[in-house]
Amino acid sequence: MFSGAAVFVLVLLVLMLAFFVWWVLMLIDALKVSDATWSAAGESKILYVLLMVFLGVIGTILYVVIARPKLRLQSSSA
C-alpha cells in the first residue's frame, strides 16, 4: 500500500508536528510565569525563552529539566 519511504516521511512529519506543538506549549508555559517567580526561583526568564527560541526542542528540554521544577516549587510555596 505505502512504500517504505512514504511511511518514513509520514512518521517524520508527525514527529515534527508533535515537537513543534510541545515547543509552543512550553514557550507559553515559560512566558506565563511571573517575573517575580522567576527571580525567586533564581532563574532568568529571558535566558530560558532565548534558549527555547534559538535551540528549539533542546531549549525546551533544558527548561523542563532545570527551570520548571524550581518554578513549580516556588509558586507552590508562595
N, C-alpha and C. Protein backbone atom coordinates (compact mmCIF):
# COMPACT_ATOMS: atom_id res chain seq x y z
N MET A 1 0.82 -1.18 0.00
CA MET A 1 0.00 0.00 0.00
C MET A 1 0.88 1.26 0.00
N PHE A 2 1.68 1.45 1.07
CA PHE A 2 2.63 2.56 1.11
C PHE A 2 4.03 2.01 0.95
N SER A 3 4.88 2.78 0.29
CA SER A 3 6.28 2.36 0.21
C SER A 3 6.97 2.74 1.52
N GLY A 4 8.13 2.17 1.73
CA GLY A 4 8.87 2.44 2.96
C GLY A 4 9.22 3.91 3.12
N ALA A 5 9.54 4.57 2.01
CA ALA A 5 9.91 5.98 2.07
C ALA A 5 8.71 6.85 2.45
N ALA A 6 7.54 6.51 1.95
CA ALA A 6 6.34 7.29 2.27
C ALA A 6 5.98 7.16 3.74
N VAL A 7 6.12 5.97 4.28
CA VAL A 7 5.85 5.76 5.71
C VAL A 7 6.85 6.54 6.55
N PHE A 8 8.10 6.51 6.15
CA PHE A 8 9.15 7.25 6.87
C PHE A 8 8.84 8.74 6.88
N VAL A 9 8.47 9.28 5.73
CA VAL A 9 8.16 10.70 5.64
C VAL A 9 6.94 11.04 6.49
N LEU A 10 5.94 10.19 6.48
CA LEU A 10 4.75 10.42 7.29
C LEU A 10 5.07 10.42 8.78
N VAL A 11 5.85 9.45 9.22
CA VAL A 11 6.27 9.38 10.62
C VAL A 11 7.09 10.61 10.99
N LEU A 12 7.99 11.01 10.11
CA LEU A 12 8.82 12.19 10.35
C LEU A 12 7.96 13.45 10.48
N LEU A 13 6.97 13.60 9.62
CA LEU A 13 6.09 14.77 9.69
C LEU A 13 5.28 14.79 10.98
N VAL A 14 4.80 13.64 11.41
CA VAL A 14 4.04 13.56 12.66
C VAL A 14 4.94 13.93 13.84
N LEU A 15 6.17 13.42 13.86
CA LEU A 15 7.10 13.76 14.94
C LEU A 15 7.44 15.25 14.94
N MET A 16 7.65 15.81 13.76
CA MET A 16 7.96 17.24 13.68
C MET A 16 6.79 18.08 14.19
N LEU A 17 5.57 17.69 13.85
CA LEU A 17 4.40 18.41 14.33
C LEU A 17 4.28 18.30 15.85
N ALA A 18 4.52 17.11 16.37
CA ALA A 18 4.44 16.90 17.82
C ALA A 18 5.49 17.74 18.55
N PHE A 19 6.72 17.76 18.04
CA PHE A 19 7.77 18.57 18.66
C PHE A 19 7.44 20.06 18.58
N PHE A 20 6.87 20.49 17.47
CA PHE A 20 6.50 21.90 17.33
C PHE A 20 5.42 22.29 18.33
N VAL A 21 4.40 21.47 18.46
CA VAL A 21 3.32 21.74 19.41
C VAL A 21 3.87 21.78 20.84
N TRP A 22 4.74 20.81 21.17
CA TRP A 22 5.33 20.78 22.51
C TRP A 22 6.18 22.03 22.75
N TRP A 23 6.94 22.45 21.75
CA TRP A 23 7.78 23.64 21.85
C TRP A 23 6.93 24.87 22.13
N VAL A 24 5.83 25.03 21.39
CA VAL A 24 4.94 26.18 21.59
C VAL A 24 4.33 26.15 22.99
N LEU A 25 3.87 24.98 23.43
CA LEU A 25 3.25 24.87 24.76
C LEU A 25 4.24 25.21 25.87
N MET A 26 5.48 24.75 25.76
CA MET A 26 6.48 25.05 26.78
C MET A 26 6.89 26.52 26.75
N LEU A 27 6.93 27.11 25.57
CA LEU A 27 7.24 28.53 25.45
C LEU A 27 6.14 29.37 26.12
N ILE A 28 4.90 29.02 25.87
CA ILE A 28 3.78 29.70 26.52
C ILE A 28 3.84 29.50 28.03
N ASP A 29 4.15 28.27 28.46
CA ASP A 29 4.26 27.97 29.89
C ASP A 29 5.31 28.85 30.55
N ALA A 30 6.44 29.02 29.92
CA ALA A 30 7.52 29.84 30.49
C ALA A 30 7.13 31.31 30.52
N LEU A 31 6.44 31.78 29.49
CA LEU A 31 6.07 33.19 29.43
C LEU A 31 4.94 33.54 30.40
N LYS A 32 4.13 32.57 30.77
CA LYS A 32 3.02 32.83 31.70
C LYS A 32 3.49 33.02 33.14
N VAL A 33 4.64 32.50 33.49
CA VAL A 33 5.14 32.61 34.86
C VAL A 33 5.61 34.05 35.10
N SER A 34 5.23 34.60 36.23
CA SER A 34 5.57 36.00 36.53
C SER A 34 7.08 36.17 36.72
N ASP A 35 7.52 37.39 36.46
CA ASP A 35 8.94 37.70 36.64
C ASP A 35 9.38 37.53 38.09
N ALA A 36 8.48 37.82 39.01
CA ALA A 36 8.80 37.68 40.44
C ALA A 36 9.07 36.22 40.80
N THR A 37 8.29 35.31 40.22
CA THR A 37 8.50 33.88 40.48
C THR A 37 9.83 33.43 39.90
N TRP A 38 10.16 33.90 38.70
CA TRP A 38 11.45 33.57 38.09
C TRP A 38 12.59 34.04 38.99
N SER A 39 12.49 35.27 39.47
CA SER A 39 13.54 35.82 40.34
C SER A 39 13.65 35.05 41.64
N ALA A 40 12.51 34.72 42.23
CA ALA A 40 12.51 33.98 43.50
C ALA A 40 13.09 32.58 43.32
N ALA A 41 12.93 32.01 42.13
CA ALA A 41 13.47 30.68 41.86
C ALA A 41 14.95 30.74 41.49
N GLY A 42 15.48 31.94 41.30
CA GLY A 42 16.89 32.10 40.96
C GLY A 42 17.20 31.78 39.51
N GLU A 43 16.22 31.93 38.64
CA GLU A 43 16.40 31.63 37.22
C GLU A 43 16.10 32.88 36.39
N SER A 44 16.59 32.89 35.16
CA SER A 44 16.39 34.02 34.26
C SER A 44 15.36 33.67 33.19
N LYS A 45 14.26 34.40 33.21
CA LYS A 45 13.19 34.16 32.24
C LYS A 45 13.69 34.41 30.82
N ILE A 46 14.39 35.52 30.63
CA ILE A 46 14.85 35.87 29.29
C ILE A 46 15.83 34.83 28.75
N LEU A 47 16.66 34.29 29.61
CA LEU A 47 17.62 33.27 29.19
C LEU A 47 16.91 32.03 28.67
N TYR A 48 15.94 31.54 29.42
CA TYR A 48 15.26 30.32 29.01
C TYR A 48 14.38 30.53 27.79
N VAL A 49 13.78 31.71 27.67
CA VAL A 49 12.99 31.99 26.47
C VAL A 49 13.90 32.04 25.25
N LEU A 50 15.05 32.68 25.39
CA LEU A 50 16.01 32.72 24.27
C LEU A 50 16.54 31.33 23.94
N LEU A 51 16.81 30.52 24.96
CA LEU A 51 17.24 29.14 24.71
C LEU A 51 16.18 28.38 23.93
N MET A 52 14.93 28.55 24.30
CA MET A 52 13.85 27.85 23.60
C MET A 52 13.70 28.35 22.16
N VAL A 53 13.87 29.65 21.96
CA VAL A 53 13.71 30.20 20.61
C VAL A 53 14.86 29.75 19.71
N PHE A 54 16.09 29.83 20.21
CA PHE A 54 17.24 29.54 19.36
C PHE A 54 17.64 28.06 19.31
N LEU A 55 17.36 27.30 20.37
CA LEU A 55 17.73 25.89 20.38
C LEU A 55 16.55 24.96 20.14
N GLY A 56 15.36 25.52 20.08
CA GLY A 56 14.17 24.71 19.78
C GLY A 56 13.88 23.70 20.87
N VAL A 57 13.73 22.46 20.45
CA VAL A 57 13.36 21.38 21.37
C VAL A 57 14.41 21.19 22.46
N ILE A 58 15.67 21.37 22.13
CA ILE A 58 16.74 21.23 23.14
C ILE A 58 16.56 22.29 24.23
N GLY A 59 16.22 23.51 23.83
CA GLY A 59 15.97 24.56 24.80
C GLY A 59 14.77 24.26 25.69
N THR A 60 13.73 23.66 25.11
CA THR A 60 12.57 23.32 25.92
C THR A 60 12.88 22.18 26.88
N ILE A 61 13.72 21.26 26.46
CA ILE A 61 14.15 20.18 27.37
C ILE A 61 14.92 20.77 28.54
N LEU A 62 15.81 21.71 28.26
CA LEU A 62 16.55 22.38 29.34
C LEU A 62 15.60 23.10 30.29
N TYR A 63 14.60 23.76 29.74
CA TYR A 63 13.61 24.45 30.57
C TYR A 63 12.86 23.46 31.46
N VAL A 64 12.40 22.36 30.88
CA VAL A 64 11.60 21.39 31.63
C VAL A 64 12.43 20.70 32.71
N VAL A 65 13.70 20.43 32.42
CA VAL A 65 14.54 19.69 33.37
C VAL A 65 15.12 20.61 34.46
N ILE A 66 15.50 21.82 34.10
CA ILE A 66 16.21 22.68 35.04
C ILE A 66 15.29 23.72 35.69
N ALA A 67 14.64 24.54 34.90
CA ALA A 67 13.92 25.70 35.45
C ALA A 67 12.51 25.37 35.92
N ARG A 68 11.79 24.58 35.18
CA ARG A 68 10.37 24.34 35.50
C ARG A 68 10.16 23.74 36.90
N PRO A 69 10.95 22.75 37.32
CA PRO A 69 10.74 22.24 38.69
C PRO A 69 10.95 23.31 39.76
N LYS A 70 11.95 24.17 39.57
CA LYS A 70 12.19 25.25 40.53
C LYS A 70 11.03 26.25 40.54
N LEU A 71 10.51 26.55 39.35
CA LEU A 71 9.39 27.48 39.26
C LEU A 71 8.14 26.91 39.90
N ARG A 72 7.88 25.62 39.67
CA ARG A 72 6.71 24.97 40.27
C ARG A 72 6.83 24.95 41.80
N LEU A 73 8.02 24.65 42.29
CA LEU A 73 8.26 24.63 43.73
C LEU A 73 8.07 26.03 44.33
N GLN A 74 8.58 27.02 43.63
CA GLN A 74 8.48 28.40 44.11
C GLN A 74 7.03 28.87 44.12
N SER A 75 6.28 28.56 43.07
CA SER A 75 4.89 29.04 43.02
C SER A 75 4.00 28.27 43.99
N SER A 76 4.34 27.03 44.31
CA SER A 76 3.53 26.28 45.27
C SER A 76 3.80 26.72 46.71
N SER A 77 5.01 27.22 46.97
CA SER A 77 5.34 27.66 48.33
C SER A 77 4.92 29.10 48.58
N ALA A 78 4.61 29.83 47.50
CA ALA A 78 4.22 31.25 47.66
C ALA A 78 2.77 31.41 48.04
